[in-house]
Amino acid sequence: MTINPTSVTALADRPGLGSAALASSASGAADSSSATLIAVTPVDTTANQAFMNKWSGVEALMAANGLEPAALQNQTSLSAAAATLAKYQQALDSNARTGLDAQAVATALVSSMQQLILQRPDLANAQFDFQSDNGTIKVTSGSLSDSDRAWLQNLLNSNGSLVQAVQSFHNDLVGGYSAWANADGNPLSKAQSDAISKQADGLVSFMSLFRQMGASSKVPNADDKDIYALNGAKIDLTQDPGSAVGFLSFMQSAQAVANGADVAKTPVGDFYGAEKFNIFEQSLSSPWTIRIPFFPSDATSLCVHQTA
């Protein structure tokens, strides 16, 4: 995108003219008596550079994800472009919060999984997943009986912190979508908002999302080193968190690397705090990757409605 906020006449060869340019007459006379003063808005190079500095990072993020901000095309006013950019930034910021939302979901889920193992040890290794469902949690499973699935669903919905975290995740996805539509100049109607909210409900399955987050960390790296928590447990973020036992083990590894409380054992020695990062951060796998790009379909050249 090119911003040309002033359409300024070049003044490089006439320094000191300030806000007016001296133009020669049509006859080409150099005599100042036949010259005409033409008012020109001076270029605010500082403001223009500040805008481009901010825009360049947002542009890179959008371009890396195939996002095409329609309302920013062919902008000629710096102030209008900045205001529109702020609207798109709001959409990106709302979407980016889903990383912290996912962390809140995982943190709240720990107590429910501990409770499951105590109350129903027969389900400790049962595979399941769950989604947002109109303000509640819906459990899905290809192996649980209907009665066991219903029991687990009730268990998760009895965890108020978990339900709230799942709803926050959902709201930030919808908020990002809505803010983008608004920035495009196409605000959603009530019916459209309801439809997008319903679509967002089934967009993400959380155990699958955690699995993807762990896999993107590439820890452990088979050709690098073995990494252990300080209590001696091997750290493996690529393990399957799709059961109560698997999830709690996954979270133990995630917490260890988040705190830098790990030791890498290599042929040349042990290195403490070798890995320290938060797997729930959106940009872990790539600094320019939007983990869940949920935006209007005409905002992108790519298919963005992905289910985690």
Protein backbone atom coordinates (compact mmCIF):
# COMPACT_ATOMS: atom_id res chain seq x y z
CA MET A 1 0.00 0.00 0.00
CA THR A 2 1.26 3.48 -0.87
CA ILE A 3 0.20 6.46 1.17
CA ASN A 4 0.48 9.86 -0.54
CA PRO A 5 -1.25 12.21 1.88
CA THR A 6 -0.36 15.53 0.29
CA SER A 7 0.31 15.14 -3.47
CA VAL A 8 3.11 17.61 -2.90
CA THR A 9 4.92 19.54 -5.65
CA ALA A 10 8.61 18.74 -5.50
CA LEU A 11 10.48 21.46 -3.71
CA ALA A 12 13.93 19.95 -3.71
CA ASP A 13 15.32 22.51 -6.12
CA ARG A 14 13.70 25.47 -4.34
CA PRO A 15 14.74 25.31 -0.72
CA GLY A 16 13.22 27.70 1.76
CA LEU A 17 9.89 28.21 0.02
CA GLY A 18 8.03 26.90 3.00
CA SER A 19 4.30 26.46 2.34
CA ALA A 20 4.33 27.97 -1.16
CA ALA A 21 6.03 26.99 -4.40
CA LEU A 22 7.07 29.48 -7.04
CA ALA A 23 5.97 28.23 -10.45
CA SER A 24 7.05 29.63 -13.77
CA SER A 25 4.40 31.05 -16.07
CA ALA A 26 3.14 29.12 -19.06
CA SER A 27 5.45 31.21 -21.27
CA GLY A 28 8.38 29.89 -19.32
CA ALA A 29 9.45 33.36 -18.17
CA ALA A 30 11.90 33.43 -15.35
CA ASP A 31 10.89 36.92 -14.36
CA SER A 32 9.38 36.90 -10.89
CA SER A 33 6.78 39.44 -12.00
CA SER A 34 5.14 36.79 -14.19
CA ALA A 35 5.35 34.06 -11.56
CA THR A 36 2.41 32.66 -9.62
CA LEU A 37 2.38 31.53 -6.02
CA ILE A 38 0.75 28.12 -5.57
CA ALA A 39 -0.14 27.02 -2.04
CA VAL A 40 1.20 23.58 -1.18
CA THR A 41 0.65 21.60 1.99
CA PRO A 42 4.08 20.85 3.43
CA VAL A 43 5.08 17.24 3.92
CA ASP A 44 5.12 16.21 7.56
CA THR A 45 7.97 13.75 7.18
CA THR A 46 8.01 12.91 10.89
CA ALA A 47 4.33 11.98 10.94
CA ASN A 48 4.65 10.11 7.65
CA GLN A 49 7.63 8.12 8.91
CA ALA A 50 5.87 7.33 12.19
CA PHE A 51 2.87 6.05 10.26
CA MET A 52 5.01 3.90 7.97
CA ASN A 53 6.94 2.49 10.93
CA LYS A 54 3.69 1.37 12.52
CA TRP A 55 2.18 0.21 9.26
CA SER A 56 5.18 -1.89 8.23
CA GLY A 57 4.76 -4.30 11.14
CA VAL A 58 1.02 -4.63 10.69
CA GLU A 59 1.47 -5.00 6.94
CA ALA A 60 3.97 -7.82 7.45
CA LEU A 61 1.56 -9.62 9.78
CA MET A 62 -1.32 -9.26 7.35
CA ALA A 63 0.75 -10.23 4.31
CA ALA A 64 2.20 -13.32 6.02
CA ASN A 65 -1.33 -14.55 6.67
CA GLY A 66 -2.80 -13.59 3.31
CA LEU A 67 -5.00 -10.89 4.81
CA GLU A 68 -6.15 -8.12 2.49
CA PRO A 69 -7.48 -5.01 4.31
CA ALA A 70 -9.86 -3.62 1.72
CA ALA A 71 -10.42 -0.25 3.39
CA LEU A 72 -6.70 0.54 3.39
CA GLN A 73 -6.37 0.29 -0.37
CA ASN A 74 -5.69 3.58 -2.20
CA GLN A 75 -5.84 5.74 0.91
CA THR A 76 -4.74 9.32 0.20
CA SER A 77 -5.18 10.85 3.65
CA LEU A 78 -2.63 10.07 6.33
CA SER A 79 -5.09 10.68 9.15
CA ALA A 80 -7.80 8.56 7.53
CA ALA A 81 -5.33 5.75 6.87
CA ALA A 82 -4.14 5.86 10.47
CA ALA A 83 -7.71 5.70 11.78
CA THR A 84 -8.54 2.77 9.50
CA LEU A 85 -5.31 1.02 10.44
CA ALA A 86 -6.26 1.34 14.11
CA LYS A 87 -9.52 -0.49 13.37
CA TYR A 88 -7.69 -3.37 11.71
CA GLN A 89 -5.22 -3.41 14.58
CA GLN A 90 -8.16 -3.82 16.96
CA ALA A 91 -9.28 -6.88 14.99
CA LEU A 92 -5.79 -8.39 15.08
CA ASP A 93 -5.40 -7.64 18.80
CA SER A 94 -8.73 -9.31 19.63
CA ASN A 95 -7.74 -12.40 17.68
CA ALA A 96 -4.29 -12.45 19.30
CA ARG A 97 -5.82 -12.61 22.77
CA THR A 98 -6.99 -16.15 22.02
CA GLY A 99 -3.49 -17.33 22.96
CA LEU A 100 -3.88 -16.11 26.52
CA ASP A 101 -7.48 -17.32 26.47
CA ALA A 102 -6.28 -20.82 25.53
CA GLN A 103 -3.83 -20.70 28.41
CA ALA A 104 -6.68 -19.79 30.77
CA VAL A 105 -8.71 -22.72 29.42
CA ALA A 106 -5.83 -25.13 29.96
CA THR A 107 -5.11 -23.81 33.46
CA ALA A 108 -8.76 -24.13 34.51
CA LEU A 109 -8.99 -27.61 32.98
CA VAL A 110 -6.28 -29.01 35.29
CA SER A 111 -8.54 -29.24 38.34
CA SER A 112 -11.30 -30.93 36.32
CA MET A 113 -8.88 -33.54 35.00
CA GLN A 114 -7.58 -34.22 38.49
CA GLN A 115 -11.16 -34.58 39.64
CA LEU A 116 -11.92 -36.96 36.77
CA ILE A 117 -9.05 -39.26 37.72
CA LEU A 118 -10.20 -39.35 41.35
CA GLN A 119 -13.87 -39.91 40.61
CA ARG A 120 -13.68 -41.99 37.44
CA PRO A 121 -10.27 -43.68 37.16
CA ASP A 122 -11.78 -45.87 34.44
CA LEU A 123 -11.88 -42.74 32.24
CA ALA A 124 -8.36 -41.54 33.04
CA ASN A 125 -7.05 -42.52 29.62
CA ALA A 126 -10.26 -42.02 27.65
CA GLN A 127 -9.84 -39.88 24.54
CA PHE A 128 -12.12 -36.84 24.23
CA ASP A 129 -12.26 -33.23 23.12
CA PHE A 130 -14.48 -30.25 23.87
CA GLN A 131 -15.79 -27.08 22.23
CA SER A 132 -17.67 -23.92 23.06
CA ASP A 133 -21.42 -24.37 22.67
CA ASN A 134 -23.62 -21.29 23.09
CA GLY A 135 -22.11 -20.33 26.44
CA THR A 136 -21.53 -23.88 27.65
CA ILE A 137 -19.06 -26.69 26.94
CA LYS A 138 -19.79 -29.58 24.60
CA VAL A 139 -17.73 -32.79 24.89
CA THR A 140 -17.00 -34.84 21.78
CA SER A 141 -15.56 -38.34 21.69
CA GLY A 142 -15.41 -41.26 19.30
CA SER A 143 -14.90 -43.79 22.07
CA LEU A 144 -16.92 -42.69 25.13
CA SER A 145 -20.41 -44.04 25.64
CA ASP A 146 -23.24 -41.50 25.64
CA SER A 147 -23.58 -41.76 29.40
CA ASP A 148 -19.84 -41.32 30.03
CA ARG A 149 -19.70 -38.40 27.62
CA ALA A 150 -22.65 -36.77 29.40
CA TRP A 151 -20.98 -37.30 32.78
CA LEU A 152 -17.74 -35.71 31.55
CA GLN A 153 -19.63 -32.83 29.96
CA ASN A 154 -21.39 -32.14 33.24
CA LEU A 155 -18.06 -32.26 35.05
CA LEU A 156 -16.53 -29.63 32.74
CA ASN A 157 -19.59 -27.38 32.86
CA SER A 158 -19.53 -27.47 36.67
CA ASN A 159 -16.13 -25.75 36.53
CA GLY A 160 -17.10 -22.07 36.39
CA SER A 161 -13.57 -20.87 35.64
CA LEU A 162 -13.32 -23.25 32.72
CA VAL A 163 -16.66 -22.22 31.25
CA GLN A 164 -15.70 -18.55 31.57
CA ALA A 165 -12.30 -19.11 29.92
CA VAL A 166 -13.88 -20.98 27.01
CA GLN A 167 -16.40 -18.17 26.56
CA SER A 168 -13.63 -15.53 26.59
CA PHE A 169 -11.82 -17.47 23.88
CA HIS A 170 -15.01 -17.57 21.83
CA ASN A 171 -15.73 -13.87 22.39
CA ASP A 172 -12.26 -12.78 21.28
CA LEU A 173 -12.55 -14.83 18.08
CA VAL A 174 -15.93 -13.26 17.32
CA GLY A 175 -14.64 -9.84 18.36
CA GLY A 176 -11.75 -10.04 15.92
CA TYR A 177 -14.06 -11.09 13.09
CA SER A 178 -16.55 -8.32 13.88
CA ALA A 179 -13.84 -5.65 14.21
CA TRP A 180 -12.38 -6.61 10.83
CA ALA A 181 -15.80 -6.37 9.17
CA ASN A 182 -16.26 -2.98 10.81
CA ALA A 183 -12.86 -1.80 9.57
CA ASP A 184 -13.83 -2.89 6.05
CA GLY A 185 -16.90 -0.68 6.33
CA ASN A 186 -19.26 -3.66 6.50
CA PRO A 187 -20.40 -3.90 10.14
CA LEU A 188 -22.25 -7.09 11.01
CA SER A 189 -26.01 -7.10 11.51
CA LYS A 190 -27.53 -8.84 14.51
CA ALA A 191 -28.36 -11.88 12.40
CA GLN A 192 -24.84 -11.98 10.96
CA SER A 193 -23.30 -11.66 14.42
CA ASP A 194 -25.41 -14.56 15.68
CA ALA A 195 -24.34 -16.68 12.71
CA ILE A 196 -20.65 -15.87 13.26
CA SER A 197 -20.97 -16.67 16.97
CA LYS A 198 -22.42 -20.07 16.11
CA GLN A 199 -19.66 -20.68 13.59
CA ALA A 200 -17.02 -19.78 16.18
CA ASP A 201 -18.51 -22.33 18.60
CA GLY A 202 -17.50 -25.24 16.40
CA LEU A 203 -14.29 -23.72 15.08
CA VAL A 204 -11.91 -24.95 17.77
CA SER A 205 -11.62 -28.23 19.66
CA PHE A 206 -9.41 -27.44 22.62
CA MET A 207 -7.54 -30.70 23.15
CA SER A 208 -6.66 -30.65 19.45
CA LEU A 209 -5.54 -27.02 19.79
CA PHE A 210 -3.27 -27.92 22.72
CA ARG A 211 -1.85 -30.78 20.65
CA GLN A 212 -1.03 -28.38 17.83
CA MET A 213 0.57 -25.91 20.23
CA GLY A 214 2.76 -28.61 21.70
CA ALA A 215 3.78 -29.95 18.31
CA SER A 216 4.78 -26.47 17.14
CA SER A 217 7.24 -26.20 20.03
CA LYS A 218 9.26 -29.17 18.69
CA VAL A 219 10.28 -30.11 22.23
CA PRO A 220 11.85 -32.55 22.56
CA ASN A 221 13.90 -32.28 19.39
CA ALA A 222 14.99 -35.84 18.65
CA ASP A 223 18.33 -34.89 17.09
CA ASP A 224 19.19 -32.35 19.76
CA LYS A 225 18.84 -33.32 23.41
CA ASP A 226 16.65 -34.84 26.09
CA ILE A 227 14.97 -32.34 28.38
CA TYR A 228 13.77 -33.06 31.90
CA ALA A 229 11.86 -31.18 34.55
CA LEU A 230 13.77 -30.59 37.77
CA ASN A 231 11.81 -33.43 39.39
CA GLY A 232 13.27 -35.84 36.84
CA ALA A 233 10.18 -36.18 34.64
CA LYS A 234 10.96 -36.10 30.94
CA ILE A 235 9.54 -33.06 29.16
CA ASP A 236 7.54 -33.85 26.05
CA LEU A 237 5.29 -31.19 24.60
CA THR A 238 4.55 -33.32 21.54
CA GLN A 239 2.63 -35.93 23.54
CA ASP A 240 -1.10 -36.36 23.06
CA PRO A 241 -3.05 -34.29 25.63
CA GLY A 242 -6.37 -35.81 24.57
CA SER A 243 -7.05 -37.66 27.83
CA ALA A 244 -6.95 -36.70 31.50
CA VAL A 245 -3.62 -38.45 32.08
CA GLY A 246 -2.12 -37.15 28.84
CA PHE A 247 -3.29 -33.60 29.46
CA LEU A 248 -1.89 -33.40 33.02
CA SER A 249 1.47 -34.70 31.80
CA PHE A 250 1.39 -32.19 28.96
CA MET A 251 0.68 -29.35 31.38
CA GLN A 252 3.50 -30.43 33.67
CA SER A 253 5.90 -30.12 30.72
CA ALA A 254 4.37 -26.79 29.66
CA GLN A 255 4.75 -25.36 33.16
CA ALA A 256 8.35 -26.51 33.43
CA VAL A 257 9.45 -24.79 30.23
CA ALA A 258 7.38 -21.69 31.05
CA ASN A 259 9.35 -21.32 34.29
CA GLY A 260 12.66 -22.34 32.76
CA ALA A 261 12.68 -25.14 35.35
CA ASP A 262 14.25 -27.70 33.06
CA VAL A 263 17.56 -29.37 32.39
CA ALA A 264 18.84 -30.43 28.99
CA LYS A 265 21.05 -33.52 29.12
CA THR A 266 23.50 -33.60 26.24
CA PRO A 267 26.72 -35.52 25.46
CA VAL A 268 28.75 -32.49 26.54
CA GLY A 269 26.95 -31.87 29.80
CA ASP A 270 23.75 -30.73 31.49
CA PHE A 271 22.31 -27.28 30.86
CA TYR A 272 19.74 -25.81 33.23
CA GLY A 273 17.00 -23.54 31.93
CA ALA A 274 17.84 -24.52 28.36
CA GLU A 275 14.24 -24.02 27.28
CA LYS A 276 12.07 -21.17 28.49
CA PHE A 277 8.97 -20.15 26.58
CA ASN A 278 5.19 -20.15 26.78
CA ILE A 279 3.63 -22.63 24.35
CA PHE A 280 0.36 -20.72 24.45
CA GLU A 281 1.89 -17.65 22.86
CA GLN A 282 0.37 -17.19 19.44
CA SER A 283 3.67 -16.54 17.64
CA LEU A 284 5.59 -19.53 18.93
CA SER A 285 5.89 -21.45 15.66
CA SER A 286 6.45 -18.33 13.54
CA PRO A 287 6.67 -14.67 14.51
CA TRP A 288 4.17 -13.79 11.77
CA THR A 289 1.71 -16.67 12.11
CA ILE A 290 -1.84 -16.06 13.32
CA ARG A 291 -2.74 -19.31 15.03
CA ILE A 292 -6.50 -19.14 14.44
CA PRO A 293 -7.14 -16.73 11.54
CA PHE A 294 -10.88 -16.21 11.91
CA PHE A 295 -11.81 -13.24 9.71
CA PRO A 296 -14.38 -12.49 6.98
CA SER A 297 -13.81 -14.71 3.94
CA ASP A 298 -13.19 -11.74 1.63
CA ALA A 299 -10.43 -10.48 3.93
CA THR A 300 -7.99 -13.11 2.79
CA SER A 301 -6.63 -14.85 -0.26
CA LEU A 302 -6.28 -18.00 1.83
CA CYS A 303 -8.82 -20.33 3.41
CA VAL A 304 -9.01 -19.06 6.98
CA HIS A 305 -11.93 -20.90 8.52
CA GLN A 306 -9.88 -23.71 10.00
CA THR A 307 -10.90 -26.06 12.77
CA ALA A 308 -8.19 -26.76 15.31
